[in-house]
């Protein structure tokens, strides 16, 4: 670690254990694009001569604040990424008010940059406690700096979903399934609308939080929904996108944030189903992305209003531009040439 850290352009401080979700891909991408190495040692991050990037401030706001203050005193640059900034705006709890104040205060220090992964144009109040932004890497990582799995044929999982769907359109939900990710709404919509089931097939892949949505899962399967209720591999994840005509991104209000599932869908030009009034809907409106905004009323859901898929080449071109802009921004915040 010492040799890697000394030769790296940036040291990423990672206060989360393990590589769950897309975290391993995220850090590997940063290593390629900004020449970073990763450490879980606060001590190593503190004394690093290179710029330090806190990979996820939410893991420990206290550690991030301490890192920024002490490194600012040493004249060294520090940045951090906030993945869930909205609670800091809307939360009234004392601990959230303290976090807001701490972040706003340290942003006045020289060489400190607190970043969100959504533009301030979507939510200007982010600027109260952050002084910069990049786009979530999962909004552009399939195409920047080069295409990933661009010519990959659909696998057996995708073929199974398509065969089950027949002539019907396919809506997929991807990843962990619980109420935060809107699985209760996903299942309720499908089970409540026999007319919808005639023209659309709903399928999902990912672990299910049984204690949260177990009853909804049973009803979903009984209604003919297709369930792959286990951890999905990278190939299975890509197969879900390959099988999809639309991707479910209609999440609960307390999960109002950038989303990797959403990001991969829009990189591929796929229409997304988002919660009405959410940050994801705002993103779709600002960027002109194909989407349907759902308000949770099963009777008013009109699948006929789902727009067609965007031209994949156009979606890929936009993702590459987003990636180039985001990395240029990040390098600027980190003081890299």
Protein backbone atom coordinates (compact mmCIF):
# COMPACT_ATOMS: atom_id res chain seq x y z
CA UNK A 1 0.00 0.00 0.00
CA UNK A 2 2.83 2.40 0.86
CA UNK A 3 4.45 2.02 -2.61
CA UNK A 4 1.11 2.36 -4.39
CA UNK A 5 0.18 5.40 -2.33
CA UNK A 6 3.48 7.16 -2.96
CA UNK A 7 3.20 6.79 -6.75
CA UNK A 8 -0.54 7.54 -7.07
CA UNK A 9 -1.79 10.96 -8.20
CA UNK A 10 -4.67 10.88 -5.69
CA UNK A 11 -5.37 9.00 -2.48
CA UNK A 12 -8.99 7.93 -2.03
CA UNK A 13 -10.06 7.57 1.58
CA UNK A 14 -12.67 4.81 1.84
CA UNK A 15 -14.37 4.47 5.21
CA UNK A 16 -16.79 1.72 4.11
CA UNK A 17 -15.80 -1.94 4.56
CA UNK A 18 -16.05 -4.33 1.61
CA UNK A 19 -17.04 -3.94 -2.04
CA UNK A 20 -20.82 -4.30 -2.01
CA UNK A 21 -22.90 -3.09 -4.93
CA UNK A 22 -20.89 -1.21 -7.53
CA UNK A 23 -18.25 0.10 -5.14
CA UNK A 24 -15.42 -2.07 -6.51
CA UNK A 25 -16.21 -0.88 -10.05
CA UNK A 26 -16.40 2.72 -8.84
CA UNK A 27 -12.95 2.65 -7.25
CA UNK A 28 -11.42 0.76 -10.19
CA UNK A 29 -12.82 3.42 -12.53
CA UNK A 30 -11.35 6.22 -10.41
CA UNK A 31 -7.98 4.45 -10.37
CA UNK A 32 -7.94 4.38 -14.19
CA UNK A 33 -9.18 7.91 -14.74
CA UNK A 34 -7.45 9.95 -12.05
CA UNK A 35 -4.60 7.64 -11.06
CA UNK A 36 -5.88 7.01 -7.56
CA UNK A 37 -5.07 4.46 -4.90
CA UNK A 38 -7.45 3.51 -2.11
CA UNK A 39 -6.91 3.34 1.62
CA UNK A 40 -9.17 2.74 4.62
CA UNK A 41 -6.57 4.30 6.95
CA UNK A 42 -7.51 7.77 8.12
CA UNK A 43 -3.91 8.23 9.27
CA UNK A 44 -2.51 7.52 5.77
CA UNK A 45 -5.09 9.81 4.19
CA UNK A 46 -4.27 12.58 6.65
CA UNK A 47 -0.53 12.57 5.90
CA UNK A 48 -0.74 11.93 2.15
CA UNK A 49 1.16 14.54 0.16
CA UNK A 50 -1.14 14.02 -2.82
CA UNK A 51 -4.71 15.36 -3.01
CA UNK A 52 -7.12 13.20 -1.00
CA UNK A 53 -10.64 12.30 -2.11
CA UNK A 54 -13.12 10.97 0.46
CA UNK A 55 -14.99 8.43 -1.65
CA UNK A 56 -18.26 8.63 0.31
CA UNK A 57 -18.66 11.36 2.92
CA UNK A 58 -21.78 9.71 4.37
CA UNK A 59 -19.67 6.90 5.84
CA UNK A 60 -18.35 9.36 8.45
CA UNK A 61 -18.93 13.08 8.19
CA UNK A 62 -16.82 13.54 11.32
CA UNK A 63 -13.78 11.87 9.74
CA UNK A 64 -14.20 13.93 6.59
CA UNK A 65 -14.41 17.21 8.51
CA UNK A 66 -11.34 16.35 10.59
CA UNK A 67 -9.43 15.35 7.44
CA UNK A 68 -10.31 18.62 5.71
CA UNK A 69 -9.43 20.86 8.66
CA UNK A 70 -6.07 19.24 9.45
CA UNK A 71 -5.00 18.96 5.82
CA UNK A 72 -6.02 22.59 5.17
CA UNK A 73 -3.69 23.59 8.01
CA UNK A 74 -0.92 21.70 6.21
CA UNK A 75 -1.78 23.41 2.91
CA UNK A 76 -2.98 20.19 1.28
CA UNK A 77 -6.01 19.70 -0.91
CA UNK A 78 -8.99 17.53 0.11
CA UNK A 79 -12.28 16.76 -1.63
CA UNK A 80 -15.20 14.49 -0.81
CA UNK A 81 -18.26 13.14 -2.57
CA UNK A 82 -21.79 13.23 -1.13
CA UNK A 83 -23.97 10.51 -2.60
CA UNK A 84 -27.13 11.38 -0.63
CA UNK A 85 -27.29 15.15 -0.21
CA UNK A 86 -31.08 15.52 -0.05
CA UNK A 87 -31.49 14.51 3.64
CA UNK A 88 -29.15 17.37 4.54
CA UNK A 89 -31.62 19.76 2.93
CA UNK A 90 -34.88 18.34 4.15
CA UNK A 91 -33.89 16.73 7.45
CA UNK A 92 -34.80 18.67 10.56
CA UNK A 93 -33.03 16.44 13.06
CA UNK A 94 -30.31 18.05 15.16
CA UNK A 95 -27.62 15.72 13.78
CA UNK A 96 -28.51 16.72 10.21
CA UNK A 97 -28.45 20.41 11.07
CA UNK A 98 -25.01 19.93 12.65
CA UNK A 99 -23.75 18.11 9.53
CA UNK A 100 -25.04 20.92 7.30
CA UNK A 101 -23.26 23.51 9.43
CA UNK A 102 -20.01 21.55 9.54
CA UNK A 103 -19.90 21.03 5.77
CA UNK A 104 -20.80 24.64 5.05
CA UNK A 105 -18.07 25.78 7.44
CA UNK A 106 -15.22 23.65 6.10
CA UNK A 107 -16.02 24.64 2.52
CA UNK A 108 -14.62 28.08 3.39
CA UNK A 109 -11.20 26.55 4.00
CA UNK A 110 -8.64 26.75 1.19
CA UNK A 111 -8.28 23.56 -0.81
CA UNK A 112 -11.52 21.94 0.45
CA UNK A 113 -14.17 20.81 -2.06
CA UNK A 114 -17.37 19.04 -1.04
CA UNK A 115 -19.06 17.59 -4.12
CA UNK A 116 -22.52 16.24 -4.89
CA UNK A 117 -23.17 13.75 -7.69
CA UNK A 118 -26.02 15.78 -9.14
CA UNK A 119 -25.79 19.30 -10.60
CA UNK A 120 -26.86 22.27 -8.51
CA UNK A 121 -29.25 23.16 -11.35
CA UNK A 122 -31.43 20.22 -10.26
CA UNK A 123 -31.44 21.36 -6.64
CA UNK A 124 -29.87 24.79 -5.97
CA UNK A 125 -30.00 24.18 -2.19
CA UNK A 126 -27.10 21.72 -2.56
CA UNK A 127 -24.88 24.81 -2.72
CA UNK A 128 -25.63 25.50 0.95
CA UNK A 129 -23.21 22.75 2.03
CA UNK A 130 -21.34 21.75 -1.16
CA UNK A 131 -19.11 23.86 -3.37
CA UNK A 132 -18.93 21.67 -6.45
CA UNK A 133 -20.44 18.70 -8.28
CA UNK A 134 -19.79 15.95 -10.78
CA UNK A 135 -22.29 13.60 -12.36
CA UNK A 136 -22.65 10.18 -10.76
CA UNK A 137 -20.06 7.93 -12.48
CA UNK A 138 -22.83 5.40 -13.09
CA UNK A 139 -24.40 7.93 -15.48
CA UNK A 140 -21.45 7.58 -17.87
CA UNK A 141 -19.21 4.63 -16.93
CA UNK A 142 -20.47 2.28 -19.67
CA UNK A 143 -19.12 4.58 -22.37
CA UNK A 144 -16.37 6.78 -20.94
CA UNK A 145 -13.54 6.66 -21.70
CA UNK A 146 -14.34 3.60 -23.82
CA UNK A 147 -17.37 1.37 -24.39
CA UNK A 148 -17.86 -1.51 -21.96
CA UNK A 149 -19.51 -4.70 -23.23
CA UNK A 150 -20.70 -2.74 -26.23
CA UNK A 151 -21.07 -5.79 -28.47
CA UNK A 152 -22.12 -8.28 -25.80
CA UNK A 153 -24.94 -10.54 -27.03
CA UNK A 154 -27.97 -11.10 -24.81
CA UNK A 155 -27.42 -14.09 -22.53
CA UNK A 156 -29.67 -16.89 -21.35
CA UNK A 157 -31.25 -14.78 -18.60
CA UNK A 158 -32.34 -12.11 -21.09
CA UNK A 159 -33.67 -14.76 -23.45
CA UNK A 160 -35.66 -16.34 -20.61
CA UNK A 161 -37.33 -13.03 -19.79
CA UNK A 162 -38.13 -12.34 -23.42
CA UNK A 163 -39.52 -15.82 -24.00
CA UNK A 164 -41.77 -15.48 -20.96
CA UNK A 165 -42.93 -12.04 -22.09
CA UNK A 166 -43.80 -13.19 -25.61
CA UNK A 167 -45.17 -10.24 -27.56
CA UNK A 168 -45.56 -8.11 -24.44
CA UNK A 169 -43.27 -5.26 -23.47
CA UNK A 170 -40.89 -5.81 -20.57
CA UNK A 171 -40.38 -3.66 -17.48
CA UNK A 172 -37.47 -4.72 -15.26
CA UNK A 173 -36.45 -3.83 -11.72
CA UNK A 174 -32.76 -4.33 -10.99
CA UNK A 175 -30.76 -4.88 -7.82
CA UNK A 176 -31.84 -5.01 -4.17
CA UNK A 177 -35.62 -5.10 -3.86
CA UNK A 178 -37.22 -3.39 -0.88
CA UNK A 179 -39.62 -0.55 -0.18
CA UNK A 180 -36.88 2.07 -0.56
CA UNK A 181 -36.28 0.85 -4.13
CA UNK A 182 -40.03 0.87 -4.76
CA UNK A 183 -40.59 -2.89 -4.99
CA UNK A 184 -43.90 -2.58 -3.14
CA UNK A 185 -45.12 -0.13 -5.81
CA UNK A 186 -43.69 -2.29 -8.60
CA UNK A 187 -45.46 -5.42 -7.34
CA UNK A 188 -48.70 -3.67 -6.41
CA UNK A 189 -49.01 -2.09 -9.85
CA UNK A 190 -48.53 -5.41 -11.62
CA UNK A 191 -50.84 -7.44 -9.39
CA UNK A 192 -53.63 -4.83 -9.40
CA UNK A 193 -53.90 -4.34 -13.17
CA UNK A 194 -54.99 -7.36 -15.22
CA UNK A 195 -55.15 -5.13 -18.30
CA UNK A 196 -51.52 -4.12 -17.78
CA UNK A 197 -50.45 -7.76 -17.54
CA UNK A 198 -51.95 -8.41 -20.96
CA UNK A 199 -49.54 -6.04 -22.68
CA UNK A 200 -46.58 -5.83 -20.28
CA UNK A 201 -44.44 -8.34 -18.42
CA UNK A 202 -42.73 -7.31 -15.17
CA UNK A 203 -39.50 -9.04 -14.10
CA UNK A 204 -36.77 -8.38 -11.58
CA UNK A 205 -33.36 -9.62 -10.55
CA UNK A 206 -31.80 -8.99 -7.15
CA UNK A 207 -31.95 -9.90 -3.50
CA UNK A 208 -35.30 -9.30 -1.81
CA UNK A 209 -35.61 -7.93 1.72
CA UNK A 210 -38.23 -10.46 2.81
CA UNK A 211 -39.10 -8.78 6.09
CA UNK A 212 -39.91 -5.60 4.17
CA UNK A 213 -41.67 -6.73 1.00
CA UNK A 214 -42.11 -10.51 1.38
CA UNK A 215 -45.90 -10.44 0.98
CA UNK A 216 -45.63 -8.26 -2.12
CA UNK A 217 -43.20 -10.79 -3.60
CA UNK A 218 -45.68 -13.66 -3.13
CA UNK A 219 -48.48 -11.69 -4.77
CA UNK A 220 -46.19 -10.62 -7.62
CA UNK A 221 -45.20 -14.21 -8.43
CA UNK A 222 -48.81 -15.39 -8.14
CA UNK A 223 -49.82 -12.76 -10.70
CA UNK A 224 -47.24 -14.04 -13.19
CA UNK A 225 -44.37 -11.69 -12.45
CA UNK A 226 -40.91 -13.12 -13.10
CA UNK A 227 -38.64 -13.20 -10.07
CA UNK A 228 -34.92 -13.89 -9.87
CA UNK A 229 -34.73 -13.25 -6.13
CA UNK A 230 -31.03 -13.61 -5.51
CA UNK A 231 -27.80 -11.68 -5.93
CA UNK A 232 -27.25 -10.95 -9.62
CA UNK A 233 -23.89 -11.21 -11.34
CA UNK A 234 -22.56 -8.53 -13.67
CA UNK A 235 -23.66 -10.58 -16.69
CA UNK A 236 -27.14 -11.05 -15.26
CA UNK A 237 -27.37 -7.31 -14.60
CA UNK A 238 -26.52 -6.60 -18.24
CA UNK A 239 -29.06 -9.23 -19.32
CA UNK A 240 -31.81 -7.42 -17.42
CA UNK A 241 -31.05 -4.27 -19.39
CA UNK A 242 -30.84 -6.28 -22.62
CA UNK A 243 -34.32 -7.73 -22.01
CA UNK A 244 -35.92 -4.42 -21.02
CA UNK A 245 -38.21 -2.07 -22.85
CA UNK A 246 -38.32 0.11 -19.72
CA UNK A 247 -36.50 0.14 -16.36
CA UNK A 248 -38.17 0.64 -12.97
CA UNK A 249 -36.59 3.55 -11.07
CA UNK A 250 -39.62 4.61 -9.05
CA UNK A 251 -38.12 4.85 -5.57
CA UNK A 252 -39.50 5.92 -2.20
CA UNK A 253 -39.29 9.60 -1.17
CA UNK A 254 -36.60 8.79 1.40
CA UNK A 255 -34.46 7.27 -1.39
CA UNK A 256 -34.50 10.39 -3.54
CA UNK A 257 -31.00 10.42 -5.01
CA UNK A 258 -28.89 9.55 -8.02
CA UNK A 259 -29.19 5.88 -8.91
CA UNK A 260 -26.88 3.46 -10.66
CA UNK A 261 -29.83 1.48 -12.03
CA UNK A 262 -31.22 4.69 -13.51
CA UNK A 263 -27.78 5.74 -14.76
CA UNK A 264 -27.12 2.53 -16.66
CA UNK A 265 -30.61 2.67 -18.20
CA UNK A 266 -30.18 6.18 -19.55
CA UNK A 267 -26.70 5.36 -20.86
CA UNK A 268 -28.39 2.69 -22.98
CA UNK A 269 -31.24 4.98 -24.05
CA UNK A 270 -33.87 2.92 -22.21
CA UNK A 271 -37.05 4.64 -20.97
CA UNK A 272 -37.28 4.80 -17.18
CA UNK A 273 -40.25 4.81 -14.82
CA UNK A 274 -39.55 7.34 -12.06
CA UNK A 275 -41.48 8.73 -9.11
CA UNK A 276 -43.35 11.92 -9.89
CA UNK A 277 -41.65 14.89 -8.22
CA UNK A 278 -38.35 13.09 -7.62
CA UNK A 279 -34.83 14.24 -8.47
CA UNK A 280 -34.76 11.51 -11.12
CA UNK A 281 -37.83 13.01 -12.78
CA UNK A 282 -36.15 16.44 -12.70
CA UNK A 283 -33.08 14.89 -14.32
CA UNK A 284 -35.24 13.41 -17.08
CA UNK A 285 -37.00 16.71 -17.72
CA UNK A 286 -33.80 18.77 -17.78
CA UNK A 287 -31.89 16.32 -20.00
CA UNK A 288 -34.79 15.28 -22.24
CA UNK A 289 -34.61 11.61 -21.24
CA UNK A 290 -37.40 9.16 -22.17
CA UNK A 291 -39.42 8.51 -19.03
CA UNK A 292 -42.79 8.04 -17.41
CA UNK A 293 -43.47 9.73 -14.06
CA UNK A 294 -45.62 7.57 -11.75
CA UNK A 295 -47.50 9.01 -8.77
CA UNK A 296 -48.30 5.67 -7.10
CA UNK A 297 -51.93 5.58 -8.22
CA UNK A 298 -52.31 2.17 -9.89
CA UNK A 299 -55.47 3.21 -11.74
CA UNK A 300 -53.88 6.22 -13.41
CA UNK A 301 -50.73 4.43 -14.62
CA UNK A 302 -50.79 4.53 -18.42
CA UNK A 303 -48.10 2.36 -19.98
CA UNK A 304 -49.12 3.63 -23.42
CA UNK A 305 -47.43 6.93 -22.56
CA UNK A 306 -44.03 5.28 -22.17
CA UNK A 307 -41.86 6.87 -24.86
CA UNK A 308 -39.73 4.77 -27.21
CA UNK A 309 -36.10 3.99 -26.56
CA UNK A 310 -33.62 6.71 -27.40
CA UNK A 311 -31.16 5.96 -30.19
CA UNK A 312 -28.37 4.01 -28.39
CA UNK A 313 -25.65 5.86 -30.31
CA UNK A 314 -27.05 9.21 -29.17
CA UNK A 315 -27.34 7.98 -25.56
CA UNK A 316 -23.74 6.70 -25.67
CA UNK A 317 -22.45 9.97 -27.10
CA UNK A 318 -24.11 11.94 -24.31
CA UNK A 319 -22.70 9.58 -21.68
CA UNK A 320 -19.19 10.05 -23.07
CA UNK A 321 -19.59 13.82 -22.89
CA UNK A 322 -20.89 13.60 -19.31
CA UNK A 323 -17.90 11.45 -18.39
CA UNK A 324 -15.39 13.81 -19.96
CA UNK A 325 -16.98 16.82 -18.25
CA UNK A 326 -17.18 15.08 -14.85
CA UNK A 327 -13.56 13.89 -14.87
CA UNK A 328 -12.37 17.33 -15.97
CA UNK A 329 -14.31 18.86 -13.08
CA UNK A 330 -12.99 16.31 -10.59
CA UNK A 331 -9.40 16.80 -11.73
CA UNK A 332 -9.87 20.53 -11.31
CA UNK A 333 -11.18 20.18 -7.76
CA UNK A 334 -8.23 17.92 -6.94
CA UNK A 335 -5.73 20.33 -8.45
CA UNK A 336 -4.47 17.89 -11.08
CA UNK A 337 -2.92 19.22 -14.28
